[in-house]
Amino acid sequence: MSVIKVPEADVAGWYCATCDEEMVLQSVELEYLDSLFNVELPACPKCRFVLIPEGLALGKMHQVEQLLEDK
């Protein structure tokens, strides 16, 4: 299974509101309609809160949702 990667520019300057730690790219497993996806997303190294950038949510992730729902 391939990993979807977020450009590092989308991570720069983001901090966790709870921990005040800078977000770093981490491999995260997402599940949608019984399908698993490995995605490299910005996450807090302390509490592991994950940020899904708007461009990814409205772009690639939306396309995948549509494909899965059409099955």
PDB file of N, CA and C in Angstrom:
ATOM      1  N   MET A   1       0.841  -1.178   0.000  1.00  0.00           N
ATOM      2  CA  MET A   1       0.000   0.000   0.000  1.00  0.00           C
ATOM      3  C   MET A   1       0.882   1.236   0.000  1.00  0.00           C
ATOM      4  N   SER A   2       0.594   2.184  -0.863  1.00  0.00           N
ATOM      5  CA  SER A   2       1.397   3.398  -0.929  1.00  0.00           C
ATOM      6  C   SER A   2       0.940   4.402   0.123  1.00  0.00           C
ATOM      7  N   VAL A   3       1.820   5.326   0.409  1.00  0.00           N
ATOM      8  CA  VAL A   3       1.535   6.353   1.406  1.00  0.00           C
ATOM      9  C   VAL A   3       1.283   7.676   0.695  1.00  0.00           C
ATOM     10  N   ILE A   4       0.159   8.307   1.003  1.00  0.00           N
ATOM     11  CA  ILE A   4      -0.126   9.648   0.484  1.00  0.00           C
ATOM     12  C   ILE A   4       0.668  10.626   1.326  1.00  0.00           C
ATOM     13  N   LYS A   5       1.413  11.507   0.675  1.00  0.00           N
ATOM     14  CA  LYS A   5       2.260  12.452   1.411  1.00  0.00           C
ATOM     15  C   LYS A   5       1.767  13.878   1.241  1.00  0.00           C
ATOM     16  N   VAL A   6       1.838  14.626   2.313  1.00  0.00           N
ATOM     17  CA  VAL A   6       1.492  16.037   2.326  1.00  0.00           C
ATOM     18  C   VAL A   6       2.782  16.822   2.096  1.00  0.00           C
ATOM     19  N   PRO A   7       2.764  17.824   1.218  1.00  0.00           N
ATOM     20  CA  PRO A   7       3.978  18.635   1.026  1.00  0.00           C
ATOM     21  C   PRO A   7       4.432  19.273   2.339  1.00  0.00           C
ATOM     22  N   GLU A   8       5.747  19.280   2.555  1.00  0.00           N
ATOM     23  CA  GLU A   8       6.275  19.836   3.802  1.00  0.00           C
ATOM     24  C   GLU A   8       5.882  21.302   3.999  1.00  0.00           C
ATOM     25  N   ALA A   9       5.635  22.014   2.912  1.00  0.00           N
ATOM     26  CA  ALA A   9       5.226  23.421   3.019  1.00  0.00           C
ATOM     27  C   ALA A   9       3.896  23.546   3.749  1.00  0.00           C
ATOM     28  N   ASP A  10       3.033  22.514   3.653  1.00  0.00           N
ATOM     29  CA  ASP A  10       1.740  22.538   4.340  1.00  0.00           C
ATOM     30  C   ASP A  10       1.879  22.351   5.846  1.00  0.00           C
ATOM     31  N   VAL A  11       3.056  21.939   6.311  1.00  0.00           N
ATOM     32  CA  VAL A  11       3.285  21.682   7.727  1.00  0.00           C
ATOM     33  C   VAL A  11       3.927  22.884   8.406  1.00  0.00           C
ATOM     34  N   ALA A  12       4.708  23.632   7.651  1.00  0.00           N
ATOM     35  CA  ALA A  12       5.488  24.742   8.208  1.00  0.00           C
ATOM     36  C   ALA A  12       4.605  25.748   8.934  1.00  0.00           C
ATOM     37  N   GLY A  13       5.003  26.062  10.150  1.00  0.00           N
ATOM     38  CA  GLY A  13       4.315  27.099  10.912  1.00  0.00           C
ATOM     39  C   GLY A  13       3.115  26.631  11.714  1.00  0.00           C
ATOM     40  N   TRP A  14       2.750  25.359  11.654  1.00  0.00           N
ATOM     41  CA  TRP A  14       1.608  24.849  12.420  1.00  0.00           C
ATOM     42  C   TRP A  14       2.078  24.345  13.782  1.00  0.00           C
ATOM     43  N   TYR A  15       1.337  24.720  14.827  1.00  0.00           N
ATOM     44  CA  TYR A  15       1.631  24.289  16.192  1.00  0.00           C
ATOM     45  C   TYR A  15       0.371  23.702  16.811  1.00  0.00           C
ATOM     46  N   CYS A  16       0.555  22.738  17.691  1.00  0.00           N
ATOM     47  CA  CYS A  16      -0.554  22.138  18.412  1.00  0.00           C
ATOM     48  C   CYS A  16      -1.100  23.165  19.407  1.00  0.00           C
ATOM     49  N   ALA A  17      -2.405  23.408  19.375  1.00  0.00           N
ATOM     50  CA  ALA A  17      -3.016  24.392  20.272  1.00  0.00           C
ATOM     51  C   ALA A  17      -2.968  23.926  21.726  1.00  0.00           C
ATOM     52  N   THR A  18      -2.962  22.629  21.948  1.00  0.00           N
ATOM     53  CA  THR A  18      -2.953  22.089  23.309  1.00  0.00           C
ATOM     54  C   THR A  18      -1.554  22.062  23.902  1.00  0.00           C
ATOM     55  N   CYS A  19      -0.594  21.554  23.132  1.00  0.00           N
ATOM     56  CA  CYS A  19       0.767  21.320  23.644  1.00  0.00           C
ATOM     57  C   CYS A  19       1.759  22.417  23.275  1.00  0.00           C
ATOM     58  N   ASP A  20       1.408  23.254  22.327  1.00  0.00           N
ATOM     59  CA  ASP A  20       2.295  24.286  21.796  1.00  0.00           C
ATOM     60  C   ASP A  20       3.571  23.683  21.205  1.00  0.00           C
ATOM     61  N   GLU A  21       3.453  22.464  20.666  1.00  0.00           N
ATOM     62  CA  GLU A  21       4.556  21.797  19.987  1.00  0.00           C
ATOM     63  C   GLU A  21       4.397  22.014  18.485  1.00  0.00           C
ATOM     64  N   GLU A  22       5.522  22.130  17.787  1.00  0.00           N
ATOM     65  CA  GLU A  22       5.459  22.268  16.338  1.00  0.00           C
ATOM     66  C   GLU A  22       5.040  20.942  15.718  1.00  0.00           C
ATOM     67  N   MET A  23       4.123  21.000  14.755  1.00  0.00           N
ATOM     68  CA  MET A  23       3.647  19.803  14.075  1.00  0.00           C
ATOM     69  C   MET A  23       4.763  19.241  13.197  1.00  0.00           C
ATOM     70  N   VAL A  24       4.856  17.905  13.151  1.00  0.00           N
ATOM     71  CA  VAL A  24       5.841  17.217  12.319  1.00  0.00           C
ATOM     72  C   VAL A  24       5.107  16.169  11.484  1.00  0.00           C
ATOM     73  N   LEU A  25       5.670  15.827  10.338  1.00  0.00           N
ATOM     74  CA  LEU A  25       5.043  14.811   9.496  1.00  0.00           C
ATOM     75  C   LEU A  25       5.194  13.442  10.136  1.00  0.00           C
ATOM     76  N   GLN A  26       4.066  12.716  10.247  1.00  0.00           N
ATOM     77  CA  GLN A  26       4.058  11.369  10.796  1.00  0.00           C
ATOM     78  C   GLN A  26       3.146  10.502   9.950  1.00  0.00           C
ATOM     79  N   SER A  27       3.461   9.228   9.858  1.00  0.00           N
ATOM     80  CA  SER A  27       2.610   8.295   9.139  1.00  0.00           C
ATOM     81  C   SER A  27       1.390   7.986  10.000  1.00  0.00           C
ATOM     82  N   VAL A  28       0.202   8.161   9.409  1.00  0.00           N
ATOM     83  CA  VAL A  28      -1.065   7.971  10.117  1.00  0.00           C
ATOM     84  C   VAL A  28      -1.923   7.019   9.300  1.00  0.00           C
ATOM     85  N   GLU A  29      -2.636   6.132   9.970  1.00  0.00           N
ATOM     86  CA  GLU A  29      -3.542   5.222   9.276  1.00  0.00           C
ATOM     87  C   GLU A  29      -4.962   5.755   9.417  1.00  0.00           C
ATOM     88  N   LEU A  30      -5.619   6.014   8.278  1.00  0.00           N
ATOM     89  CA  LEU A  30      -6.998   6.502   8.259  1.00  0.00           C
ATOM     90  C   LEU A  30      -7.919   5.396   7.767  1.00  0.00           C
ATOM     91  N   GLU A  31      -9.137   5.368   8.297  1.00  0.00           N
ATOM     92  CA  GLU A  31     -10.116   4.379   7.863  1.00  0.00           C
ATOM     93  C   GLU A  31     -11.364   5.098   7.377  1.00  0.00           C
ATOM     94  N   TYR A  32     -11.883   4.628   6.234  1.00  0.00           N
ATOM     95  CA  TYR A  32     -13.121   5.182   5.673  1.00  0.00           C
ATOM     96  C   TYR A  32     -13.845   4.065   4.950  1.00  0.00           C
ATOM     97  N   LEU A  33     -15.075   3.799   5.337  1.00  0.00           N
ATOM     98  CA  LEU A  33     -15.885   2.743   4.731  1.00  0.00           C
ATOM     99  C   LEU A  33     -15.125   1.420   4.649  1.00  0.00           C
ATOM    100  N   ASP A  34     -14.561   0.997   5.762  1.00  0.00           N
ATOM    101  CA  ASP A  34     -13.818  -0.266   5.873  1.00  0.00           C
ATOM    102  C   ASP A  34     -12.568  -0.338   4.996  1.00  0.00           C
ATOM    103  N   SER A  35     -12.085   0.784   4.506  1.00  0.00           N
ATOM    104  CA  SER A  35     -10.834   0.832   3.747  1.00  0.00           C
ATOM    105  C   SER A  35      -9.799   1.587   4.576  1.00  0.00           C
ATOM    106  N   LEU A  36      -8.576   1.079   4.576  1.00  0.00           N
ATOM    107  CA  LEU A  36      -7.489   1.716   5.319  1.00  0.00           C
ATOM    108  C   LEU A  36      -6.539   2.422   4.367  1.00  0.00           C
ATOM    109  N   PHE A  37      -6.063   3.586   4.798  1.00  0.00           N
ATOM    110  CA  PHE A  37      -5.141   4.387   4.008  1.00  0.00           C
ATOM    111  C   PHE A  37      -4.009   4.868   4.900  1.00  0.00           C
ATOM    112  N   ASN A  38      -2.780   4.743   4.405  1.00  0.00           N
ATOM    113  CA  ASN A  38      -1.631   5.314   5.104  1.00  0.00           C
ATOM    114  C   ASN A  38      -1.368   6.687   4.516  1.00  0.00           C
ATOM    115  N   VAL A  39      -1.341   7.675   5.392  1.00  0.00           N
ATOM    116  CA  VAL A  39      -1.152   9.058   4.960  1.00  0.00           C
ATOM    117  C   VAL A  39      -0.112   9.696   5.859  1.00  0.00           C
ATOM    118  N   GLU A  40       0.809  10.424   5.268  1.00  0.00           N
ATOM    119  CA  GLU A  40       1.797  11.166   6.043  1.00  0.00           C
ATOM    120  C   GLU A  40       1.218  12.552   6.287  1.00  0.00           C
ATOM    121  N   LEU A  41       0.869  12.825   7.548  1.00  0.00           N
ATOM    122  CA  LEU A  41       0.188  14.069   7.908  1.00  0.00           C
ATOM    123  C   LEU A  41       0.919  14.786   9.033  1.00  0.00           C
ATOM    124  N   PRO A  42       0.695  16.101   9.140  1.00  0.00           N
ATOM    125  CA  PRO A  42       1.256  16.835  10.269  1.00  0.00           C
ATOM    126  C   PRO A  42       0.575  16.382  11.562  1.00  0.00           C
ATOM    127  N   ALA A  43       1.381  16.092  12.567  1.00  0.00           N
ATOM    128  CA  ALA A  43       0.851  15.650  13.855  1.00  0.00           C
ATOM    129  C   ALA A  43       1.703  16.205  14.977  1.00  0.00           C
ATOM    130  N   CYS A  44       1.091  16.343  16.135  1.00  0.00           N
ATOM    131  CA  CYS A  44       1.818  16.795  17.317  1.00  0.00           C
ATOM    132  C   CYS A  44       2.655  15.639  17.842  1.00  0.00           C
ATOM    133  N   PRO A  45       3.963  15.837  18.042  1.00  0.00           N
ATOM    134  CA  PRO A  45       4.811  14.752  18.524  1.00  0.00           C
ATOM    135  C   PRO A  45       4.501  14.366  19.976  1.00  0.00           C
ATOM    136  N   LYS A  46       3.816  15.253  20.708  1.00  0.00           N
ATOM    137  CA  LYS A  46       3.533  14.994  22.118  1.00  0.00           C
ATOM    138  C   LYS A  46       2.182  14.290  22.309  1.00  0.00           C
ATOM    139  N   CYS A  47       1.088  14.874  21.798  1.00  0.00           N
ATOM    140  CA  CYS A  47      -0.248  14.298  22.018  1.00  0.00           C
ATOM    141  C   CYS A  47      -0.775  13.534  20.807  1.00  0.00           C
ATOM    142  N   ARG A  48      -0.063  13.595  19.676  1.00  0.00           N
ATOM    143  CA  ARG A  48      -0.395  12.886  18.431  1.00  0.00           C
ATOM    144  C   ARG A  48      -1.666  13.405  17.754  1.00  0.00           C
ATOM    145  N   PHE A  49      -2.122  14.606  18.104  1.00  0.00           N
ATOM    146  CA  PHE A  49      -3.237  15.239  17.395  1.00  0.00           C
ATOM    147  C   PHE A  49      -2.821  15.406  15.939  1.00  0.00           C
ATOM    148  N   VAL A  50      -3.731  15.078  15.024  1.00  0.00           N
ATOM    149  CA  VAL A  50      -3.413  15.103  13.600  1.00  0.00           C
ATOM    150  C   VAL A  50      -4.135  16.261  12.919  1.00  0.00           C
ATOM    151  N   LEU A  51      -3.417  16.954  12.042  1.00  0.00           N
ATOM    152  CA  LEU A  51      -3.987  18.035  11.240  1.00  0.00           C
ATOM    153  C   LEU A  51      -4.159  17.534   9.814  1.00  0.00           C
ATOM    154  N   ILE A  52      -5.371  17.661   9.287  1.00  0.00           N
ATOM    155  CA  ILE A  52      -5.607  17.342   7.885  1.00  0.00           C
ATOM    156  C   ILE A  52      -5.767  18.675   7.158  1.00  0.00           C
ATOM    157  N   PRO A  53      -4.766  19.063   6.355  1.00  0.00           N
ATOM    158  CA  PRO A  53      -4.832  20.348   5.654  1.00  0.00           C
ATOM    159  C   PRO A  53      -6.074  20.428   4.759  1.00  0.00           C
ATOM    160  N   GLU A  54      -6.635  21.613   4.661  1.00  0.00           N
ATOM    161  CA  GLU A  54      -7.862  21.831   3.893  1.00  0.00           C
ATOM    162  C   GLU A  54      -7.729  21.363   2.443  1.00  0.00           C
ATOM    163  N   GLY A  55      -6.599  21.636   1.819  1.00  0.00           N
ATOM    164  CA  GLY A  55      -6.393  21.241   0.431  1.00  0.00           C
ATOM    165  C   GLY A  55      -6.481  19.732   0.243  1.00  0.00           C
ATOM    166  N   LEU A  56      -5.957  18.977   1.194  1.00  0.00           N
ATOM    167  CA  LEU A  56      -6.022  17.518   1.121  1.00  0.00           C
ATOM    168  C   LEU A  56      -7.443  17.028   1.375  1.00  0.00           C
ATOM    169  N   ALA A  57      -8.113  17.615   2.362  1.00  0.00           N
ATOM    170  CA  ALA A  57      -9.480  17.199   2.700  1.00  0.00           C
ATOM    171  C   ALA A  57     -10.449  17.468   1.553  1.00  0.00           C
ATOM    172  N   LEU A  58     -10.300  18.599   0.897  1.00  0.00           N
ATOM    173  CA  LEU A  58     -11.226  18.960  -0.175  1.00  0.00           C
ATOM    174  C   LEU A  58     -10.774  18.457  -1.544  1.00  0.00           C
ATOM    175  N   GLY A  59      -9.549  17.987  -1.630  1.00  0.00           N
ATOM    176  CA  GLY A  59      -9.005  17.509  -2.901  1.00  0.00           C
ATOM    177  C   GLY A  59      -8.958  16.001  -2.959  1.00  0.00           C
ATOM    178  N   LYS A  60      -7.779  15.453  -2.688  1.00  0.00           N
ATOM    179  CA  LYS A  60      -7.536  14.011  -2.830  1.00  0.00           C
ATOM    180  C   LYS A  60      -8.470  13.169  -1.954  1.00  0.00           C
ATOM    181  N   MET A  61      -8.664  13.563  -0.691  1.00  0.00           N
ATOM    182  CA  MET A  61      -9.520  12.776   0.199  1.00  0.00           C
ATOM    183  C   MET A  61     -10.971  12.782  -0.282  1.00  0.00           C
ATOM    184  N   HIS A  62     -11.420  13.892  -0.781  1.00  0.00           N
ATOM    185  CA  HIS A  62     -12.791  13.984  -1.304  1.00  0.00           C
ATOM    186  C   HIS A  62     -12.952  13.069  -2.519  1.00  0.00           C
ATOM    187  N   GLN A  63     -11.957  13.040  -3.383  1.00  0.00           N
ATOM    188  CA  GLN A  63     -12.004  12.167  -4.560  1.00  0.00           C
ATOM    189  C   GLN A  63     -12.073  10.695  -4.147  1.00  0.00           C
ATOM    190  N   VAL A  64     -11.279  10.306  -3.158  1.00  0.00           N
ATOM    191  CA  VAL A  64     -11.276   8.918  -2.675  1.00  0.00           C
ATOM    192  C   VAL A  64     -12.629   8.575  -2.054  1.00  0.00           C
ATOM    193  N   GLU A  65     -13.209   9.495  -1.273  1.00  0.00           N
ATOM    194  CA  GLU A  65     -14.534   9.271  -0.689  1.00  0.00           C
ATOM    195  C   GLU A  65     -15.562   9.013  -1.785  1.00  0.00           C
ATOM    196  N   GLN A  66     -15.527   9.819  -2.830  1.00  0.00           N
ATOM    197  CA  GLN A  66     -16.489   9.659  -3.928  1.00  0.00           C
ATOM    198  C   GLN A  66     -16.335   8.302  -4.609  1.00  0.00           C
ATOM    199  N   LEU A  67     -15.090   7.887  -4.846  1.00  0.00           N
ATOM    200  CA  LEU A  67     -14.833   6.583  -5.465  1.00  0.00           C
ATOM    201  C   LEU A  67     -15.352   5.441  -4.605  1.00  0.00           C
ATOM    202  N   LEU A  68     -15.116   5.514  -3.294  1.00  0.00           N
ATOM    203  CA  LEU A  68     -15.561   4.449  -2.399  1.00  0.00           C
ATOM    204  C   LEU A  68     -17.080   4.416  -2.271  1.00  0.00           C
ATOM    205  N   GLU A  69     -17.710   5.576  -2.231  1.00  0.00           N
ATOM    206  CA  GLU A  69     -19.158   5.629  -2.097  1.00  0.00           C
ATOM    207  C   GLU A  69     -19.864   5.167  -3.371  1.00  0.00           C
ATOM    208  N   ASP A  70     -19.219   5.314  -4.520  1.00  0.00           N
ATOM    209  CA  ASP A  70     -19.814   4.897  -5.788  1.00  0.00           C
ATOM    210  C   ASP A  70     -19.752   3.382  -5.986  1.00  0.00           C
ATOM    211  N   LYS A  71     -18.961   2.695  -5.170  1.00  0.00           N
ATOM    212  CA  LYS A  71     -18.838   1.227  -5.299  1.00  0.00           C
ATOM    213  C   LYS A  71     -20.113   0.544  -4.876  1.00  0.00           C
TER     214      LYS A  71
END
